[in-house]
Amino acid sequence: MIAHLRGRILEKHPSHLILEAAGVGYQITISVPSFSGLPSEGAEVSLYTRIPGVGKKTAERMMLELRDKLEGLAAAPAPGPAMRVEEDVVSALVNLGYQRTPAEHAAKRAVERAGNGASFEQIFRQTMALMQK
């Protein structure tokens, strides 16, 4: 099966390279002539490669199975600034030794009370106050 990969070269060695494509690192075996024609590490490249053990039928099945999952990801809305701040507050509380579930509940209540425009510090202080109750 021939696959097309487009991504950034993370590591480049005479026998293989590691290519990051969509957040996944792929180790690709390359020939010596191909190695000399590649750009330096960090450069964007587009490669055609064969994947051993994956034939036409397996590739088609993989595409069918992944299509539904990828459509579901595309349909999900991106988290807003309030959601990111809430996640940061929960992470900070967990790092301080608090349990995750109570921290998530308190952070959610703090965001609801403070509103979407509140800063990390405001939400963190309000969450801490709710955790003390």
C-alpha atoms as a PDB file:
ATOM      1  CA  MET A   1       0.000   0.000   0.000  1.00  0.00           C
ATOM      2  CA  ILE A   2       1.308   3.420  -0.860  1.00  0.00           C
ATOM      3  CA  ALA A   3       0.628   6.192   1.621  1.00  0.00           C
ATOM      4  CA  HIS A   4       1.137   9.918   1.396  1.00  0.00           C
ATOM      5  CA  LEU A   5       2.531  11.661   4.468  1.00  0.00           C
ATOM      6  CA  ARG A   6       2.978  15.377   4.872  1.00  0.00           C
ATOM      7  CA  GLY A   7       4.644  16.754   7.956  1.00  0.00           C
ATOM      8  CA  ARG A   8       7.744  18.116   9.651  1.00  0.00           C
ATOM      9  CA  ILE A   9      11.033  16.238   9.975  1.00  0.00           C
ATOM     10  CA  LEU A  10      11.816  15.752  13.669  1.00  0.00           C
ATOM     11  CA  GLU A  11      14.936  13.585  13.325  1.00  0.00           C
ATOM     12  CA  LYS A  12      16.980  12.634  10.294  1.00  0.00           C
ATOM     13  CA  HIS A  13      19.301   9.613  10.216  1.00  0.00           C
ATOM     14  CA  PRO A  14      20.973   7.881   7.211  1.00  0.00           C
ATOM     15  CA  SER A  15      18.737   4.811   7.614  1.00  0.00           C
ATOM     16  CA  HIS A  16      15.470   6.420   8.737  1.00  0.00           C
ATOM     17  CA  LEU A  17      13.728   9.642   9.658  1.00  0.00           C
ATOM     18  CA  ILE A  18      11.016  10.564  12.127  1.00  0.00           C
ATOM     19  CA  LEU A  19       8.244  12.612  10.590  1.00  0.00           C
ATOM     20  CA  GLU A  20       5.571  14.400  12.630  1.00  0.00           C
ATOM     21  CA  ALA A  21       2.243  14.403  10.814  1.00  0.00           C
ATOM     22  CA  ALA A  22      -0.863  15.687  12.609  1.00  0.00           C
ATOM     23  CA  GLY A  23       0.762  15.264  16.032  1.00  0.00           C
ATOM     24  CA  VAL A  24       1.893  11.681  15.418  1.00  0.00           C
ATOM     25  CA  GLY A  25       5.542  10.709  14.934  1.00  0.00           C
ATOM     26  CA  TYR A  26       6.189   8.188  12.165  1.00  0.00           C
ATOM     27  CA  GLN A  27       9.507   6.372  11.799  1.00  0.00           C
ATOM     28  CA  ILE A  28      10.156   5.923   8.086  1.00  0.00           C
ATOM     29  CA  THR A  29      12.942   3.786   6.636  1.00  0.00           C
ATOM     30  CA  ILE A  30      14.670   5.556   3.753  1.00  0.00           C
ATOM     31  CA  SER A  31      17.338   4.698   1.229  1.00  0.00           C
ATOM     32  CA  VAL A  32      20.696   6.477   1.061  1.00  0.00           C
ATOM     33  CA  PRO A  33      19.834   8.365  -2.156  1.00  0.00           C
ATOM     34  CA  SER A  34      16.571   9.554  -0.563  1.00  0.00           C
ATOM     35  CA  PHE A  35      18.462  10.674   2.563  1.00  0.00           C
ATOM     36  CA  SER A  36      20.742  12.973   0.581  1.00  0.00           C
ATOM     37  CA  GLY A  37      17.751  14.631  -1.097  1.00  0.00           C
ATOM     38  CA  LEU A  38      15.869  15.450   2.117  1.00  0.00           C
ATOM     39  CA  PRO A  39      15.843  18.938   3.637  1.00  0.00           C
ATOM     40  CA  SER A  40      17.190  19.572   7.142  1.00  0.00           C
ATOM     41  CA  GLU A  41      15.372  18.803  10.417  1.00  0.00           C
ATOM     42  CA  GLY A  42      12.371  21.005  11.097  1.00  0.00           C
ATOM     43  CA  ALA A  43      11.511  21.406   7.409  1.00  0.00           C
ATOM     44  CA  GLU A  44       8.077  20.551   6.021  1.00  0.00           C
ATOM     45  CA  VAL A  45       8.082  17.612   3.587  1.00  0.00           C
ATOM     46  CA  SER A  46       5.617  15.548   1.607  1.00  0.00           C
ATOM     47  CA  LEU A  47       6.508  11.855   1.253  1.00  0.00           C
ATOM     48  CA  TYR A  48       5.098   8.785  -0.428  1.00  0.00           C
ATOM     49  CA  THR A  49       5.756   5.570   1.472  1.00  0.00           C
ATOM     50  CA  ARG A  50       4.718   1.933   1.697  1.00  0.00           C
ATOM     51  CA  ILE A  51       3.349   0.558   4.917  1.00  0.00           C
ATOM     52  CA  PRO A  52       4.287  -3.125   5.386  1.00  0.00           C
ATOM     53  CA  GLY A  53       1.390  -5.425   6.211  1.00  0.00           C
ATOM     54  CA  VAL A  54      -1.273  -2.949   5.119  1.00  0.00           C
ATOM     55  CA  GLY A  55      -2.854  -3.832   1.809  1.00  0.00           C
ATOM     56  CA  LYS A  56      -5.694  -2.296  -0.129  1.00  0.00           C
ATOM     57  CA  LYS A  57      -8.474  -4.022   1.850  1.00  0.00           C
ATOM     58  CA  THR A  58      -6.969  -3.202   5.243  1.00  0.00           C
ATOM     59  CA  ALA A  59      -6.425   0.430   4.240  1.00  0.00           C
ATOM     60  CA  GLU A  60     -10.021   0.731   3.038  1.00  0.00           C
ATOM     61  CA  ARG A  61     -11.317  -0.764   6.295  1.00  0.00           C
ATOM     62  CA  MET A  62      -9.149   1.611   8.337  1.00  0.00           C
ATOM     63  CA  MET A  63     -10.468   4.582   6.384  1.00  0.00           C
ATOM     64  CA  LEU A  64     -14.085   3.496   6.922  1.00  0.00           C
ATOM     65  CA  GLU A  65     -13.543   3.028  10.657  1.00  0.00           C
ATOM     66  CA  LEU A  66     -11.680   6.299  11.101  1.00  0.00           C
ATOM     67  CA  ARG A  67     -14.004   8.404   8.945  1.00  0.00           C
ATOM     68  CA  ASP A  68     -16.798   8.357  11.542  1.00  0.00           C
ATOM     69  CA  LYS A  69     -14.391   9.214  14.343  1.00  0.00           C
ATOM     70  CA  LEU A  70     -12.814  12.077  12.397  1.00  0.00           C
ATOM     71  CA  GLU A  71     -16.214  13.520  11.463  1.00  0.00           C
ATOM     72  CA  GLY A  72     -17.181  13.454  15.144  1.00  0.00           C
ATOM     73  CA  LEU A  73     -14.028  15.359  16.058  1.00  0.00           C
ATOM     74  CA  ALA A  74     -14.620  17.987  13.387  1.00  0.00           C
ATOM     75  CA  ALA A  75     -18.177  18.542  14.605  1.00  0.00           C
ATOM     76  CA  ALA A  76     -17.143  19.181  18.214  1.00  0.00           C
ATOM     77  CA  PRO A  77     -16.859  22.889  19.011  1.00  0.00           C
ATOM     78  CA  ALA A  78     -13.497  24.239  20.070  1.00  0.00           C
ATOM     79  CA  PRO A  79     -13.291  25.069  23.769  1.00  0.00           C
ATOM     80  CA  GLY A  80     -13.682  28.742  24.546  1.00  0.00           C
ATOM     81  CA  PRO A  81     -11.390  30.853  26.717  1.00  0.00           C
ATOM     82  CA  ALA A  82     -13.483  30.160  29.829  1.00  0.00           C
ATOM     83  CA  MET A  83     -13.127  26.409  29.298  1.00  0.00           C
ATOM     84  CA  ARG A  84      -9.347  26.723  28.954  1.00  0.00           C
ATOM     85  CA  VAL A  85      -9.108  28.795  32.127  1.00  0.00           C
ATOM     86  CA  GLU A  86     -11.286  26.253  33.922  1.00  0.00           C
ATOM     87  CA  GLU A  87      -8.972  23.433  32.781  1.00  0.00           C
ATOM     88  CA  ASP A  88      -5.928  25.414  33.936  1.00  0.00           C
ATOM     89  CA  VAL A  89      -7.498  26.006  37.352  1.00  0.00           C
ATOM     90  CA  VAL A  90      -8.315  22.305  37.734  1.00  0.00           C
ATOM     91  CA  SER A  91      -4.768  21.379  36.711  1.00  0.00           C
ATOM     92  CA  ALA A  92      -3.316  23.809  39.257  1.00  0.00           C
ATOM     93  CA  LEU A  93      -5.506  22.417  42.028  1.00  0.00           C
ATOM     94  CA  VAL A  94      -4.605  18.818  41.186  1.00  0.00           C
ATOM     95  CA  ASN A  95      -0.923  19.788  41.229  1.00  0.00           C
ATOM     96  CA  LEU A  96      -1.489  21.267  44.695  1.00  0.00           C
ATOM     97  CA  GLY A  97      -2.848  17.917  45.894  1.00  0.00           C
ATOM     98  CA  TYR A  98      -6.614  18.383  45.591  1.00  0.00           C
ATOM     99  CA  GLN A  99      -8.827  15.593  44.205  1.00  0.00           C
ATOM    100  CA  ARG A 100      -9.725  16.074  40.513  1.00  0.00           C
ATOM    101  CA  THR A 101     -13.507  15.593  40.737  1.00  0.00           C
ATOM    102  CA  PRO A 102     -14.185  18.153  43.513  1.00  0.00           C
ATOM    103  CA  ALA A 103     -11.778  20.564  41.802  1.00  0.00           C
ATOM    104  CA  GLU A 104     -13.671  20.213  38.502  1.00  0.00           C
ATOM    105  CA  HIS A 105     -17.026  20.864  40.204  1.00  0.00           C
ATOM    106  CA  ALA A 106     -15.725  23.884  42.109  1.00  0.00           C
ATOM    107  CA  ALA A 107     -14.009  25.341  39.032  1.00  0.00           C
ATOM    108  CA  LYS A 108     -17.187  24.958  36.993  1.00  0.00           C
ATOM    109  CA  ARG A 109     -19.202  26.791  39.672  1.00  0.00           C
ATOM    110  CA  ALA A 110     -16.542  29.515  39.896  1.00  0.00           C
ATOM    111  CA  VAL A 111     -16.615  30.084  36.119  1.00  0.00           C
ATOM    112  CA  GLU A 112     -20.420  30.278  36.188  1.00  0.00           C
ATOM    113  CA  ARG A 113     -20.298  32.865  38.977  1.00  0.00           C
ATOM    114  CA  ALA A 114     -17.401  34.916  37.603  1.00  0.00           C
ATOM    115  CA  GLY A 115     -18.487  34.945  33.949  1.00  0.00           C
ATOM    116  CA  ASN A 116     -16.592  34.342  30.734  1.00  0.00           C
ATOM    117  CA  GLY A 117     -14.354  37.409  30.955  1.00  0.00           C
ATOM    118  CA  ALA A 118     -12.794  36.514  34.305  1.00  0.00           C
ATOM    119  CA  SER A 119      -9.054  35.985  34.570  1.00  0.00           C
ATOM    120  CA  PHE A 120      -7.276  32.870  35.770  1.00  0.00           C
ATOM    121  CA  GLU A 121      -6.485  34.519  39.113  1.00  0.00           C
ATOM    122  CA  GLN A 122     -10.109  35.491  39.763  1.00  0.00           C
ATOM    123  CA  ILE A 123     -11.430  32.038  38.957  1.00  0.00           C
ATOM    124  CA  PHE A 124      -8.633  30.354  40.913  1.00  0.00           C
ATOM    125  CA  ARG A 125      -9.358  32.430  44.030  1.00  0.00           C
ATOM    126  CA  GLN A 126     -13.071  31.781  43.788  1.00  0.00           C
ATOM    127  CA  THR A 127     -12.470  28.069  43.230  1.00  0.00           C
ATOM    128  CA  MET A 128     -10.205  27.940  46.296  1.00  0.00           C
ATOM    129  CA  ALA A 129     -12.914  29.644  48.346  1.00  0.00           C
ATOM    130  CA  LEU A 130     -15.472  27.088  47.135  1.00  0.00           C
ATOM    131  CA  MET A 131     -13.087  24.235  47.937  1.00  0.00           C
ATOM    132  CA  GLN A 132     -12.766  25.486  51.548  1.00  0.00           C
ATOM    133  CA  LYS A 133     -16.539  25.340  52.135  1.00  0.00           C
END
